[in-house]
Amino acid sequence: MDDLLQLPWKPLYSQIPDADEKDSQTPLEHWALAATVLFTLAVFLFEFMLNERQKRAYKINKFPSELEQTVGSIDAETEKSGSSAASAD
């Protein structure tokens, strides 16, 4: 268990044979796995936040007033043009 909490994390399998020379390890090699895990966690948290915002948006039942006025005026024009077209027949 202590090995999991110690950095750098080492993958369980690697195609490159494990050399015990820690001096030859670059900083990128040293932190690559930790950076990958942190990036994956950050993406997961960001997507989770977006999902929660979307769930809250779906629960809103109030129709925006500006949109209601616009749709109402379009409906009124449609009814007016529909009634004039019906009277022309």
N, C-alpha and C. Protein backbone atom coordinates (compact mmCIF):
# COMPACT_ATOMS: atom_id res chain seq x y z
N MET A 1 0.82 -1.19 0.00
CA MET A 1 0.00 0.00 0.00
C MET A 1 0.87 1.26 0.00
N ASP A 2 1.99 1.22 0.70
CA ASP A 2 2.87 2.38 0.72
C ASP A 2 3.44 2.68 -0.66
N ASP A 3 3.58 1.65 -1.49
CA ASP A 3 4.10 1.87 -2.84
C ASP A 3 3.14 2.71 -3.68
N LEU A 4 1.84 2.61 -3.40
CA LEU A 4 0.87 3.38 -4.19
C LEU A 4 0.91 4.86 -3.85
N LEU A 5 1.32 5.20 -2.63
CA LEU A 5 1.35 6.59 -2.22
C LEU A 5 2.66 7.28 -2.53
N GLN A 6 3.64 6.54 -2.95
CA GLN A 6 4.96 7.08 -3.25
C GLN A 6 5.03 7.44 -4.73
N LEU A 7 5.58 8.61 -5.03
CA LEU A 7 5.81 9.00 -6.41
C LEU A 7 7.25 8.74 -6.75
N PRO A 8 7.61 8.43 -7.93
CA PRO A 8 6.78 8.30 -9.11
C PRO A 8 6.07 6.96 -9.12
N TRP A 9 4.85 6.97 -9.63
CA TRP A 9 4.12 5.73 -9.81
C TRP A 9 4.71 5.01 -11.00
N LYS A 10 4.76 3.73 -10.90
CA LYS A 10 5.29 2.93 -12.00
C LYS A 10 4.18 2.02 -12.50
N PRO A 11 4.03 1.93 -13.81
CA PRO A 11 3.01 1.02 -14.33
C PRO A 11 3.36 -0.43 -14.00
N LEU A 12 2.32 -1.27 -13.92
CA LEU A 12 2.56 -2.66 -13.59
C LEU A 12 3.26 -3.38 -14.74
N TYR A 13 3.05 -2.92 -15.95
CA TYR A 13 3.68 -3.55 -17.11
C TYR A 13 4.32 -2.48 -17.96
N SER A 14 5.50 -2.78 -18.44
CA SER A 14 6.19 -1.88 -19.34
C SER A 14 6.97 -2.71 -20.35
N GLN A 15 7.00 -2.25 -21.59
CA GLN A 15 7.75 -2.98 -22.61
C GLN A 15 9.23 -2.73 -22.50
N ILE A 16 9.59 -1.67 -21.82
CA ILE A 16 11.00 -1.35 -21.63
C ILE A 16 11.46 -2.02 -20.34
N PRO A 17 12.53 -2.77 -20.40
CA PRO A 17 12.99 -3.44 -19.18
C PRO A 17 13.33 -2.41 -18.10
N ASP A 18 13.01 -2.75 -16.87
CA ASP A 18 13.23 -1.84 -15.76
C ASP A 18 14.72 -1.76 -15.43
N ALA A 19 15.26 -0.58 -15.64
CA ALA A 19 16.66 -0.34 -15.28
C ALA A 19 16.66 0.35 -13.93
N ASP A 20 17.47 -0.07 -13.03
CA ASP A 20 17.50 0.50 -11.70
C ASP A 20 18.27 1.80 -11.63
N GLU A 21 18.58 2.38 -12.76
CA GLU A 21 19.30 3.64 -12.80
C GLU A 21 18.28 4.78 -12.72
N LYS A 22 18.08 5.35 -11.57
CA LYS A 22 17.12 6.44 -11.41
C LYS A 22 17.68 7.75 -11.93
N ASP A 23 19.00 7.85 -12.11
CA ASP A 23 19.60 9.08 -12.60
C ASP A 23 19.28 9.31 -14.07
N SER A 24 19.04 8.25 -14.81
CA SER A 24 18.79 8.39 -16.24
C SER A 24 17.34 8.77 -16.54
N GLN A 25 16.52 8.88 -15.52
CA GLN A 25 15.10 9.17 -15.72
C GLN A 25 14.89 10.68 -15.87
N THR A 26 14.20 11.07 -16.94
CA THR A 26 13.92 12.49 -17.18
C THR A 26 12.72 12.92 -16.33
N PRO A 27 12.54 14.21 -16.12
CA PRO A 27 11.37 14.66 -15.35
C PRO A 27 10.04 14.23 -15.98
N LEU A 28 10.00 14.19 -17.30
CA LEU A 28 8.78 13.75 -17.97
C LEU A 28 8.49 12.29 -17.63
N GLU A 29 9.49 11.46 -17.67
CA GLU A 29 9.29 10.05 -17.32
C GLU A 29 8.91 9.90 -15.86
N HIS A 30 9.45 10.77 -15.02
CA HIS A 30 9.21 10.70 -13.58
C HIS A 30 7.76 11.03 -13.24
N TRP A 31 7.16 12.00 -13.93
CA TRP A 31 5.83 12.48 -13.57
C TRP A 31 4.75 12.11 -14.59
N ALA A 32 5.07 11.35 -15.62
CA ALA A 32 4.11 11.08 -16.70
C ALA A 32 2.85 10.38 -16.21
N LEU A 33 2.99 9.35 -15.42
CA LEU A 33 1.81 8.61 -14.97
C LEU A 33 0.95 9.46 -14.03
N ALA A 34 1.58 10.18 -13.12
CA ALA A 34 0.83 11.05 -12.21
C ALA A 34 0.10 12.15 -12.99
N ALA A 35 0.75 12.73 -13.99
CA ALA A 35 0.12 13.76 -14.80
C ALA A 35 -1.06 13.19 -15.59
N THR A 36 -0.93 11.98 -16.09
CA THR A 36 -2.01 11.34 -16.82
C THR A 36 -3.22 11.11 -15.92
N VAL A 37 -2.98 10.62 -14.72
CA VAL A 37 -4.07 10.38 -13.77
C VAL A 37 -4.74 11.70 -13.39
N LEU A 38 -3.95 12.73 -13.13
CA LEU A 38 -4.52 14.03 -12.76
C LEU A 38 -5.32 14.64 -13.91
N PHE A 39 -4.82 14.52 -15.12
CA PHE A 39 -5.55 15.04 -16.28
C PHE A 39 -6.87 14.31 -16.47
N THR A 40 -6.84 12.99 -16.33
CA THR A 40 -8.06 12.19 -16.45
C THR A 40 -9.07 12.57 -15.38
N LEU A 41 -8.61 12.79 -14.18
CA LEU A 41 -9.48 13.20 -13.09
C LEU A 41 -10.07 14.59 -13.35
N ALA A 42 -9.26 15.50 -13.87
CA ALA A 42 -9.74 16.85 -14.18
C ALA A 42 -10.81 16.80 -15.27
N VAL A 43 -10.61 15.99 -16.30
CA VAL A 43 -11.61 15.87 -17.37
C VAL A 43 -12.90 15.27 -16.82
N PHE A 44 -12.77 14.24 -15.98
CA PHE A 44 -13.95 13.63 -15.37
C PHE A 44 -14.73 14.65 -14.55
N LEU A 45 -14.05 15.43 -13.72
CA LEU A 45 -14.72 16.42 -12.88
C LEU A 45 -15.39 17.51 -13.72
N PHE A 46 -14.73 17.94 -14.79
CA PHE A 46 -15.31 18.95 -15.67
C PHE A 46 -16.58 18.43 -16.34
N GLU A 47 -16.53 17.20 -16.85
CA GLU A 47 -17.71 16.63 -17.50
C GLU A 47 -18.83 16.38 -16.49
N PHE A 48 -18.48 16.00 -15.27
CA PHE A 48 -19.48 15.80 -14.22
C PHE A 48 -20.17 17.12 -13.91
N MET A 49 -19.39 18.21 -13.83
CA MET A 49 -19.95 19.53 -13.58
C MET A 49 -20.92 19.92 -14.70
N LEU A 50 -20.53 19.68 -15.95
CA LEU A 50 -21.40 20.00 -17.08
C LEU A 50 -22.68 19.18 -17.03
N ASN A 51 -22.58 17.91 -16.67
CA ASN A 51 -23.77 17.06 -16.57
C ASN A 51 -24.73 17.57 -15.51
N GLU A 52 -24.19 17.98 -14.37
CA GLU A 52 -25.04 18.49 -13.29
C GLU A 52 -25.72 19.80 -13.70
N ARG A 53 -25.00 20.67 -14.40
CA ARG A 53 -25.60 21.92 -14.88
C ARG A 53 -26.73 21.61 -15.86
N GLN A 54 -26.52 20.62 -16.73
CA GLN A 54 -27.54 20.26 -17.71
C GLN A 54 -28.77 19.69 -17.03
N LYS A 55 -28.57 18.88 -15.98
CA LYS A 55 -29.71 18.33 -15.24
C LYS A 55 -30.53 19.45 -14.61
N ARG A 56 -29.85 20.44 -14.03
CA ARG A 56 -30.56 21.57 -13.44
C ARG A 56 -31.31 22.36 -14.51
N ALA A 57 -30.71 22.51 -15.69
CA ALA A 57 -31.36 23.25 -16.77
C ALA A 57 -32.61 22.53 -17.27
N TYR A 58 -32.59 21.20 -17.28
CA TYR A 58 -33.77 20.45 -17.73
C TYR A 58 -34.94 20.57 -16.75
N LYS A 59 -34.65 20.86 -15.49
CA LYS A 59 -35.70 20.94 -14.48
C LYS A 59 -36.39 22.29 -14.45
N ILE A 60 -35.90 23.27 -15.19
CA ILE A 60 -36.52 24.59 -15.22
C ILE A 60 -37.80 24.53 -16.03
N ASN A 61 -38.90 24.93 -15.40
CA ASN A 61 -40.21 24.87 -16.06
C ASN A 61 -40.67 26.22 -16.57
N LYS A 62 -40.02 27.29 -16.19
CA LYS A 62 -40.45 28.63 -16.56
C LYS A 62 -39.99 28.95 -17.98
N PHE A 63 -40.93 29.35 -18.81
CA PHE A 63 -40.64 29.72 -20.19
C PHE A 63 -40.09 31.15 -20.19
N PRO A 64 -39.00 31.44 -20.86
CA PRO A 64 -38.45 32.80 -20.87
C PRO A 64 -39.46 33.79 -21.45
N SER A 65 -39.62 34.94 -20.79
CA SER A 65 -40.67 35.90 -21.18
C SER A 65 -40.45 36.47 -22.58
N GLU A 66 -39.21 36.77 -22.94
CA GLU A 66 -38.93 37.31 -24.27
C GLU A 66 -39.31 36.30 -25.36
N LEU A 67 -38.98 35.04 -25.10
CA LEU A 67 -39.32 34.01 -26.07
C LEU A 67 -40.83 33.81 -26.14
N GLU A 68 -41.50 33.92 -25.01
CA GLU A 68 -42.95 33.78 -24.98
C GLU A 68 -43.62 34.89 -25.79
N GLN A 69 -43.11 36.12 -25.69
CA GLN A 69 -43.65 37.23 -26.46
C GLN A 69 -43.42 37.03 -27.96
N THR A 70 -42.24 36.58 -28.32
CA THR A 70 -41.91 36.35 -29.73
C THR A 70 -42.79 35.26 -30.32
N VAL A 71 -42.92 34.16 -29.59
CA VAL A 71 -43.76 33.06 -30.08
C VAL A 71 -45.21 33.50 -30.15
N GLY A 72 -45.65 34.29 -29.18
CA GLY A 72 -47.03 34.79 -29.21
C GLY A 72 -47.29 35.66 -30.41
N SER A 73 -46.33 36.54 -30.76
CA SER A 73 -46.53 37.39 -31.94
C SER A 73 -46.51 36.56 -33.22
N ILE A 74 -45.67 35.55 -33.28
CA ILE A 74 -45.65 34.67 -34.47
C ILE A 74 -46.97 33.92 -34.58
N ASP A 75 -47.49 33.43 -33.44
CA ASP A 75 -48.77 32.72 -33.46
C ASP A 75 -49.90 33.65 -33.90
N ALA A 76 -49.87 34.89 -33.42
CA ALA A 76 -50.91 35.85 -33.80
C ALA A 76 -50.86 36.13 -35.30
N GLU A 77 -49.67 36.29 -35.86
CA GLU A 77 -49.53 36.51 -37.31
C GLU A 77 -50.00 35.30 -38.10
N THR A 78 -49.68 34.11 -37.59
CA THR A 78 -50.10 32.88 -38.27
C THR A 78 -51.61 32.76 -38.26
N GLU A 79 -52.24 33.06 -37.11
CA GLU A 79 -53.70 32.99 -37.04
C GLU A 79 -54.35 34.00 -37.97
N LYS A 80 -53.76 35.22 -38.02
CA LYS A 80 -54.30 36.26 -38.89
C LYS A 80 -54.19 35.86 -40.35
N SER A 81 -53.00 35.35 -40.75
CA SER A 81 -52.83 34.94 -42.14
C SER A 81 -53.63 33.69 -42.44
N GLY A 82 -53.81 32.82 -41.47
CA GLY A 82 -54.63 31.62 -41.66
C GLY A 82 -56.08 31.97 -41.81
N SER A 83 -56.60 32.92 -41.06
CA SER A 83 -58.01 33.30 -41.17
C SER A 83 -58.27 34.05 -42.47
N SER A 84 -57.31 34.86 -42.92
CA SER A 84 -57.49 35.57 -44.20
C SER A 84 -57.39 34.59 -45.36
N ALA A 85 -56.56 33.56 -45.25
CA ALA A 85 -56.47 32.56 -46.31
C ALA A 85 -57.73 31.71 -46.34
N ALA A 86 -58.34 31.46 -45.17
CA ALA A 86 -59.57 30.66 -45.13
C ALA A 86 -60.74 31.45 -45.71
N SER A 87 -60.76 32.77 -45.47
CA SER A 87 -61.85 33.59 -46.01
C SER A 87 -61.72 33.80 -47.52
N ALA A 88 -60.49 33.68 -48.05
CA ALA A 88 -60.27 33.84 -49.48
C ALA A 88 -60.79 32.64 -50.26
N ASP A 89 -60.90 31.48 -49.58
CA ASP A 89 -61.39 30.28 -50.28
C ASP A 89 -62.82 30.40 -50.49
